[in-house]
Amino acid sequence: MSWPTLSLKNGNLIPILGFGTGTAWYKDDPNDPTNPELIEVLKTALEKGFIHIDTADSYGTEREVGIAIKESGIPRDKLFITTKVLEGWKDVLVALDDSLKRLQLDYVDMYLLHNPYVIPTTADIQTAWKGLETVHAEGKARNIGVSNFHRSHLEAVLEVCAVVPALNQLEYHPYLQRAHDYVPWMREHGIEVSSFKTLAPITVGKGGPLDLPVSSIAARHNTSTSTVVLSWAIDPNIVPITTTTKAERMDEYIAALSLRLSRGELEEITQIGLEHHFRWWGKDFFDPEDGS
């Protein structure tokens, strides 16, 4: 199959579904030994057709991504590799060079400023963004963006940027659809959206009002609940990042690229999701019922 892509404002293409190396693969110490299981899982994902791999310096999994890419034999220009900078925001140039060494790559396709909440001031966020613009100009990051940015953080970047962030990767799922028209606002400014924890309603957030409706929709289409939820996100051109240890789950994820839910099914998931609030990441930064 031809893997679907989304056109970014700069004209570059990003594959619509990515395979992640955080969460279950996350290391408390990034310097821990490489994880051979992750290398094999990544090679399986690549064999099955995934071309978008997502990692971060703070996950401690960049080395595994680099090894898997090398051992896969897939040409570099056929892949889309995303990584992120966390504590290295003070010197983005050094941070990306270190990431590229671990990845055994000359460039990444997407480089994201990982978390605004570890950056002390608005001025520091703006300075860090200028660092991303520098590595973009040098060709070491084909696209640059942010992750976990609230509207106020993005407004600060937009005040000073020469290059508009191509993407904001944040938690997004039926139970956290981002209030105050945040997604439309980002798109008005040329910023596309990537999601993590997209499967929260059927994993870490299960037990909510979507349990039965999603199961019913999955049965109707003779598919899995994960395929249904990912399809719901993909329909409006969100770019989900998800992961697994199981090859059969990869097949379920890939099936979401071809599943077409009806308008009624999509609306049912959306409306029921809006009735229930669940946030997995960043609870310390938001009020309990804040859906922004």
Protein backbone atom coordinates (compact mmCIF):
# COMPACT_ATOMS: atom_id res chain seq x y z
CA MET A 1 0.00 0.00 0.00
CA SER A 2 1.01 3.60 -0.50
CA TRP A 3 1.40 5.16 2.94
CA PRO A 4 -0.78 8.29 3.21
CA THR A 5 0.85 11.60 4.01
CA LEU A 6 -0.16 15.05 5.18
CA SER A 7 1.22 18.14 3.48
CA LEU A 8 2.78 20.59 5.91
CA LYS A 9 2.53 24.32 5.26
CA ASN A 10 6.10 24.34 3.91
CA GLY A 11 5.12 21.74 1.31
CA ASN A 12 6.96 18.84 2.93
CA LEU A 13 5.05 15.62 3.55
CA ILE A 14 4.68 13.80 6.87
CA PRO A 15 3.45 10.20 6.99
CA ILE A 16 0.04 10.15 8.66
CA LEU A 17 0.81 7.43 11.24
CA GLY A 18 4.02 7.07 13.23
CA PHE A 19 5.55 4.32 15.35
CA GLY A 20 6.68 5.61 18.73
CA THR A 21 9.56 4.63 21.00
CA GLY A 22 8.50 6.31 24.24
CA THR A 23 6.02 5.13 26.92
CA ALA A 24 6.66 1.39 27.29
CA TRP A 25 10.15 1.78 25.82
CA TYR A 26 11.13 4.79 27.92
CA LYS A 27 14.36 4.46 29.93
CA ASP A 28 14.84 6.12 33.31
CA ASP A 29 18.47 6.59 32.34
CA PRO A 30 19.10 7.33 28.64
CA ASN A 31 22.59 5.90 29.06
CA ASP A 32 21.27 2.44 29.92
CA PRO A 33 22.34 -0.34 27.53
CA THR A 34 20.52 -0.60 24.22
CA ASN A 35 17.32 -2.62 24.29
CA PRO A 36 17.56 -5.49 21.77
CA GLU A 37 13.80 -6.12 22.01
CA LEU A 38 13.05 -2.59 20.81
CA ILE A 39 15.50 -2.95 17.93
CA GLU A 40 13.69 -6.08 16.75
CA VAL A 41 10.25 -4.50 17.23
CA LEU A 42 11.34 -1.49 15.18
CA LYS A 43 12.67 -3.72 12.42
CA THR A 44 9.34 -5.55 12.37
CA ALA A 45 7.47 -2.25 12.18
CA LEU A 46 9.65 -1.15 9.27
CA GLU A 47 9.11 -4.49 7.52
CA LYS A 48 5.35 -4.07 7.90
CA GLY A 49 5.50 -0.70 6.21
CA PHE A 50 5.89 1.92 8.92
CA ILE A 51 8.08 4.71 7.56
CA HIS A 52 7.58 7.32 10.30
CA ILE A 53 9.52 6.61 13.51
CA ASP A 54 9.20 8.90 16.53
CA THR A 55 11.77 9.17 19.32
CA ALA A 56 13.28 11.77 21.69
CA ASP A 57 16.56 12.39 23.47
CA SER A 58 14.77 11.98 26.82
CA TYR A 59 13.34 8.55 25.89
CA GLY A 60 16.81 7.04 25.71
CA THR A 61 15.83 5.15 22.55
CA GLU A 62 17.59 7.05 19.77
CA ARG A 63 20.40 4.49 19.58
CA GLU A 64 17.89 1.68 19.04
CA VAL A 65 16.20 3.64 16.28
CA GLY A 66 19.55 4.20 14.57
CA ILE A 67 20.52 0.54 14.77
CA ALA A 68 17.12 -0.62 13.48
CA ILE A 69 17.27 1.77 10.53
CA LYS A 70 20.77 0.60 9.63
CA GLU A 71 19.92 -3.08 9.93
CA SER A 72 16.67 -2.69 7.98
CA GLY A 73 18.51 -1.67 4.83
CA ILE A 74 15.75 0.80 3.96
CA PRO A 75 17.12 3.87 2.14
CA ARG A 76 17.24 6.94 4.37
CA ASP A 77 15.15 9.03 1.99
CA LYS A 78 12.27 6.57 2.30
CA LEU A 79 11.93 7.20 6.05
CA PHE A 80 10.62 10.02 8.21
CA ILE A 81 12.43 10.30 11.54
CA THR A 82 11.23 12.57 14.35
CA THR A 83 13.18 13.32 17.51
CA LYS A 84 12.81 15.90 20.25
CA VAL A 85 14.96 18.02 22.54
CA LEU A 86 14.15 18.33 26.25
CA GLU A 87 16.86 19.49 28.66
CA GLY A 88 19.09 20.43 25.74
CA TRP A 89 16.93 23.45 24.92
CA LYS A 90 19.72 25.71 26.24
CA ASP A 91 22.00 24.62 23.39
CA VAL A 92 19.90 23.13 20.63
CA LEU A 93 22.82 22.86 18.20
CA VAL A 94 24.78 20.59 20.53
CA ALA A 95 21.66 18.64 21.51
CA LEU A 96 20.77 17.82 17.91
CA ASP A 97 24.34 16.87 17.03
CA ASP A 98 24.27 14.43 19.95
CA SER A 99 20.94 13.02 18.79
CA LEU A 100 22.22 12.60 15.23
CA LYS A 101 25.23 10.67 16.52
CA ARG A 102 22.98 8.31 18.45
CA LEU A 103 20.66 7.94 15.45
CA GLN A 104 23.62 7.48 13.05
CA LEU A 105 21.97 10.03 10.75
CA ASP A 106 22.97 13.26 9.03
CA TYR A 107 19.57 14.88 9.54
CA VAL A 108 16.14 14.32 11.04
CA ASP A 109 12.89 14.94 9.22
CA MET A 110 11.22 16.57 12.22
CA TYR A 111 12.83 18.12 15.30
CA LEU A 112 10.54 19.16 18.14
CA LEU A 113 11.00 21.34 21.21
CA HIS A 114 9.68 18.73 23.60
CA ASN A 115 8.22 20.42 26.65
CA PRO A 116 7.68 24.13 27.37
CA TYR A 117 7.12 23.43 31.06
CA VAL A 118 10.82 22.66 31.64
CA ILE A 119 11.78 26.03 30.13
CA PRO A 120 11.70 28.79 32.78
CA THR A 121 10.50 31.85 30.87
CA THR A 122 8.75 32.96 27.71
CA ALA A 123 11.99 34.59 26.57
CA ASP A 124 13.78 31.26 27.03
CA ILE A 125 11.17 29.50 24.89
CA GLN A 126 11.73 32.09 22.18
CA THR A 127 15.51 31.67 22.41
CA ALA A 128 15.19 27.89 22.21
CA TRP A 129 13.03 28.25 19.11
CA LYS A 130 15.72 30.35 17.47
CA GLY A 131 18.05 27.42 18.08
CA LEU A 132 15.67 25.16 16.17
CA GLU A 133 15.59 27.67 13.34
CA THR A 134 19.38 27.52 13.18
CA VAL A 135 19.56 23.72 12.83
CA HIS A 136 16.76 23.93 10.26
CA ALA A 137 18.78 26.45 8.24
CA GLU A 138 21.81 24.16 8.47
CA GLY A 139 19.80 21.28 6.98
CA LYS A 140 20.09 19.10 10.06
CA ALA A 141 16.32 19.26 10.67
CA ARG A 142 14.15 19.26 7.56
CA ASN A 143 11.13 20.41 9.59
CA ILE A 144 10.88 21.93 13.06
CA GLY A 145 8.04 22.06 15.53
CA VAL A 146 6.99 21.76 19.13
CA SER A 147 5.40 19.29 21.52
CA ASN A 148 3.04 19.78 24.46
CA PHE A 149 2.71 23.49 23.69
CA HIS A 150 -0.31 25.37 24.99
CA ARG A 151 -1.66 28.28 22.96
CA SER A 152 0.22 30.81 25.10
CA HIS A 153 3.51 29.03 24.37
CA LEU A 154 2.83 29.01 20.64
CA GLU A 155 1.83 32.66 20.67
CA ALA A 156 5.24 33.45 22.19
CA VAL A 157 6.98 31.55 19.38
CA LEU A 158 4.86 33.19 16.69
CA GLU A 159 5.87 36.63 18.00
CA VAL A 160 9.53 36.06 17.07
CA CYS A 161 9.74 33.20 14.60
CA ALA A 162 11.18 33.38 11.11
CA VAL A 163 10.01 29.80 10.58
CA VAL A 164 6.52 28.91 11.81
CA PRO A 165 6.40 25.60 13.73
CA ALA A 166 5.32 22.91 11.29
CA LEU A 167 3.73 20.74 13.96
CA ASN A 168 2.59 20.54 17.56
CA GLN A 169 2.65 17.01 18.97
CA LEU A 170 0.41 16.74 22.00
CA GLU A 171 -1.96 14.43 23.82
CA TYR A 172 -5.10 14.21 21.72
CA HIS A 173 -7.91 11.67 21.79
CA PRO A 174 -11.72 11.59 22.10
CA TYR A 175 -11.54 12.45 25.81
CA LEU A 176 -9.11 15.34 25.23
CA GLN A 177 -10.06 17.13 22.01
CA ARG A 178 -8.48 20.41 23.12
CA ALA A 179 -10.99 23.08 24.07
CA HIS A 180 -11.33 26.65 22.81
CA ASP A 181 -10.92 25.60 19.17
CA TYR A 182 -7.20 25.08 19.71
CA VAL A 183 -6.72 22.72 16.76
CA PRO A 184 -8.47 25.04 14.26
CA TRP A 185 -6.49 27.96 15.67
CA MET A 186 -3.20 26.13 15.09
CA ARG A 187 -4.18 25.28 11.54
CA GLU A 188 -5.10 28.90 10.86
CA HIS A 189 -1.46 29.66 11.70
CA GLY A 190 -0.08 26.88 9.52
CA ILE A 191 0.64 24.45 12.36
CA GLU A 192 -0.45 20.82 11.94
CA VAL A 193 -1.20 18.47 14.82
CA SER A 194 0.32 15.15 15.82
CA SER A 195 -1.10 13.13 18.69
CA PHE A 196 0.22 10.83 21.36
CA LYS A 197 -1.88 8.67 23.67
CA THR A 198 -4.49 8.58 20.91
CA LEU A 199 -5.67 5.19 22.16
CA ALA A 200 -6.23 6.44 25.73
CA PRO A 201 -10.00 5.73 25.70
CA ILE A 202 -9.33 2.01 25.25
CA THR A 203 -6.07 1.79 27.23
CA VAL A 204 -5.03 4.06 30.11
CA GLY A 205 -8.42 5.80 30.13
CA LYS A 206 -10.70 2.82 29.58
CA GLY A 207 -13.83 2.46 31.66
CA GLY A 208 -15.37 5.62 30.22
CA PRO A 209 -18.52 6.19 28.16
CA LEU A 210 -16.85 5.26 24.86
CA ASP A 211 -16.13 1.66 25.85
CA LEU A 212 -19.38 0.26 24.45
CA PRO A 213 -19.82 2.55 21.41
CA VAL A 214 -16.27 1.94 20.17
CA SER A 215 -16.66 -1.82 20.66
CA SER A 216 -19.94 -1.74 18.72
CA ILE A 217 -18.39 0.22 15.85
CA ALA A 218 -15.43 -2.18 15.76
CA ALA A 219 -17.78 -5.18 15.60
CA ARG A 220 -19.77 -3.54 12.80
CA HIS A 221 -16.59 -3.18 10.73
CA ASN A 222 -15.11 -6.51 11.81
CA THR A 223 -12.04 -4.74 13.11
CA SER A 224 -10.36 -3.85 16.40
CA THR A 225 -11.14 -1.01 18.77
CA SER A 226 -7.63 0.38 18.26
CA THR A 227 -8.23 0.54 14.51
CA VAL A 228 -11.47 2.45 15.12
CA VAL A 229 -9.95 5.04 17.48
CA LEU A 230 -6.95 5.65 15.25
CA SER A 231 -9.24 6.02 12.24
CA TRP A 232 -11.23 8.63 14.18
CA ALA A 233 -8.02 10.66 14.67
CA ILE A 234 -6.74 10.18 11.13
CA ASP A 235 -9.99 11.33 9.50
CA PRO A 236 -9.38 15.05 10.31
CA ASN A 237 -5.67 14.71 9.41
CA ILE A 238 -4.26 14.33 12.89
CA VAL A 239 -0.94 12.42 12.80
CA PRO A 240 -1.11 9.76 15.55
CA ILE A 241 2.02 8.32 17.13
CA THR A 242 1.48 4.96 18.76
CA THR A 243 3.50 1.91 19.73
CA THR A 244 3.28 -1.74 20.69
CA THR A 245 5.42 -4.77 21.39
CA LYS A 246 3.20 -7.06 19.27
CA ALA A 247 3.29 -7.55 15.51
CA GLU A 248 -0.47 -8.18 15.34
CA ARG A 249 -1.12 -4.81 16.96
CA MET A 250 0.97 -3.17 14.24
CA ASP A 251 -1.40 -4.71 11.70
CA GLU A 252 -4.36 -3.22 13.59
CA TYR A 253 -2.75 0.21 13.54
CA ILE A 254 -1.97 0.02 9.82
CA ALA A 255 -5.57 -1.06 9.15
CA ALA A 256 -6.70 2.35 10.44
CA LEU A 257 -5.20 3.93 7.33
CA SER A 258 -7.80 2.23 5.14
CA LEU A 259 -10.81 2.06 7.49
CA ARG A 260 -13.48 4.60 6.61
CA LEU A 261 -15.90 5.28 9.42
CA SER A 262 -19.25 6.85 8.57
CA ARG A 263 -19.95 10.48 9.43
CA GLY A 264 -22.39 9.22 12.04
CA GLU A 265 -19.80 6.96 13.65
CA LEU A 266 -17.18 9.69 13.73
CA GLU A 267 -19.65 12.14 15.23
CA GLU A 268 -20.76 9.60 17.84
CA ILE A 269 -17.18 9.14 19.05
CA THR A 270 -16.58 12.89 19.03
CA GLN A 271 -19.73 13.85 20.94
CA ILE A 272 -19.53 11.09 23.55
CA GLY A 273 -15.84 11.85 24.00
CA LEU A 274 -16.64 15.49 24.73
CA GLU A 275 -18.83 14.42 27.66
CA HIS A 276 -15.90 12.85 29.52
CA HIS A 277 -12.53 14.37 30.40
CA PHE A 278 -9.33 12.37 30.74
CA ARG A 279 -5.73 13.61 30.61
CA TRP A 280 -2.75 11.28 30.84
CA TRP A 281 0.20 13.67 30.47
CA GLY A 282 0.87 16.95 32.25
CA LYS A 283 -1.73 16.74 35.01
CA ASP A 284 0.45 18.98 37.18
CA PHE A 285 0.15 21.78 34.64
CA PHE A 286 -3.64 21.87 34.26
CA ASP A 287 -6.70 22.10 36.48
CA PRO A 288 -8.49 18.73 36.81
CA GLU A 289 -11.28 19.61 34.36
CA ASP A 290 -9.25 21.81 32.01
CA GLY A 291 -9.67 20.42 28.50
CA SER A 292 -7.35 22.87 26.77
